[in-house]
Amino acid sequence: MEQLEKRKLLKHAKNEYLGAMLAAKVARRLHSMEAADREDPEAKVTSLALKLITQGKVEYEIEEYDDDGVVAEKEGEEKEKEKEKEKKKKK
């Protein structure tokens, strides 16, 4: 089994906690699939999830909430990307 390098994971997840949560979520999705439909049918789902994350093949979005439990405004670059997505949807 290939050893995971933490720095590779942290390139795609903001911190170790997020990396672990994301890996668990991806692993659950992989587990619900037929083995033949997975990228590597022989790999364990957790190992495959971590591999997919470190390769940048998993996209995710995090909603941040303010103190009142309302979704907070996104800042800077994230806000711009969101605007571009909305424009593409309208076309």
Protein backbone atom coordinates (compact mmCIF):
# COMPACT_ATOMS: atom_id res chain seq x y z
CA MET A 1 0.00 0.00 0.00
CA GLU A 2 1.27 3.44 -0.93
CA GLN A 3 2.08 5.75 1.98
CA LEU A 4 0.10 9.01 1.97
CA GLU A 5 2.12 12.20 2.34
CA LYS A 6 0.32 14.69 4.55
CA ARG A 7 1.60 17.66 2.55
CA LYS A 8 -0.08 16.29 -0.59
CA LEU A 9 -3.39 16.02 1.25
CA LEU A 10 -3.04 19.55 2.60
CA LYS A 11 -2.67 20.89 -0.95
CA HIS A 12 -6.30 19.90 -1.54
CA ALA A 13 -7.80 20.26 1.94
CA LYS A 14 -7.45 23.33 4.14
CA ASN A 15 -6.42 21.29 7.19
CA GLU A 16 -6.06 17.72 8.48
CA TYR A 17 -9.55 17.66 9.97
CA LEU A 18 -11.15 18.68 6.67
CA GLY A 19 -9.00 16.12 4.85
CA ALA A 20 -10.22 13.36 7.17
CA MET A 21 -13.87 14.42 6.87
CA LEU A 22 -13.62 14.67 3.09
CA ALA A 23 -11.90 11.27 2.84
CA ALA A 24 -14.66 9.69 4.95
CA LYS A 25 -17.38 11.20 2.78
CA VAL A 26 -15.70 10.12 -0.46
CA ALA A 27 -15.05 6.64 0.96
CA ARG A 28 -18.75 6.25 1.81
CA ARG A 29 -19.68 7.15 -1.77
CA LEU A 30 -17.10 4.74 -3.16
CA HIS A 31 -18.34 2.00 -0.84
CA SER A 32 -21.87 2.41 -2.21
CA MET A 33 -20.61 1.86 -5.78
CA GLU A 34 -20.01 -1.46 -7.46
CA ALA A 35 -16.31 -2.31 -7.21
CA ALA A 36 -16.06 -2.60 -11.00
CA ASP A 37 -17.23 1.03 -11.35
CA ARG A 38 -14.46 2.43 -9.13
CA GLU A 39 -11.22 3.82 -10.53
CA ASP A 40 -9.29 1.01 -8.81
CA PRO A 41 -11.62 -1.92 -8.04
CA GLU A 42 -8.98 -3.70 -5.92
CA ALA A 43 -8.13 -0.75 -3.65
CA LYS A 44 -9.69 -0.26 -0.24
CA VAL A 45 -12.24 2.55 -0.39
CA THR A 46 -10.49 4.74 2.21
CA SER A 47 -7.14 4.42 0.43
CA LEU A 48 -8.79 5.15 -2.90
CA ALA A 49 -10.58 8.18 -1.45
CA LEU A 50 -7.31 9.62 -0.13
CA LYS A 51 -5.62 8.92 -3.46
CA LEU A 52 -8.36 10.71 -5.40
CA ILE A 53 -8.20 13.70 -3.06
CA THR A 54 -4.40 14.02 -3.29
CA GLN A 55 -4.61 13.79 -7.08
CA GLY A 56 -7.04 16.70 -7.11
CA LYS A 57 -9.89 14.63 -8.55
CA VAL A 58 -12.33 15.52 -5.77
CA GLU A 59 -14.06 18.90 -5.73
CA TYR A 60 -15.88 20.21 -2.69
CA GLU A 61 -17.38 23.40 -1.37
CA ILE A 62 -17.68 24.53 2.22
CA GLU A 63 -20.40 26.87 3.38
CA GLU A 64 -19.32 29.02 6.28
CA TYR A 65 -21.89 30.28 8.74
CA ASP A 66 -21.96 33.42 10.84
CA ASP A 67 -22.90 33.48 14.53
CA ASP A 68 -26.63 33.43 13.69
CA GLY A 69 -26.36 30.27 11.62
CA VAL A 70 -26.75 32.15 8.34
CA VAL A 71 -24.48 31.32 5.41
CA ALA A 72 -21.73 33.94 5.47
CA GLU A 73 -20.71 35.91 2.41
CA LYS A 74 -17.87 34.40 0.43
CA GLU A 75 -14.79 36.54 0.04
CA GLY A 76 -12.51 37.52 -2.79
CA GLU A 77 -11.61 34.87 -5.33
CA GLU A 78 -14.29 32.43 -4.19
CA LYS A 79 -16.94 35.09 -4.70
CA GLU A 80 -15.68 35.78 -8.24
CA LYS A 81 -15.71 32.07 -9.14
CA GLU A 82 -19.27 31.83 -7.89
CA LYS A 83 -20.31 34.78 -10.09
CA GLU A 84 -18.69 33.14 -13.14
CA LYS A 85 -20.57 29.89 -12.48
CA GLU A 86 -23.87 31.79 -12.28
CA LYS A 87 -23.17 33.54 -15.59
CA LYS A 88 -22.44 30.20 -17.29
CA LYS A 89 -25.66 28.70 -15.92
CA LYS A 90 -27.71 31.56 -17.37
CA LYS A 91 -26.27 31.07 -20.90
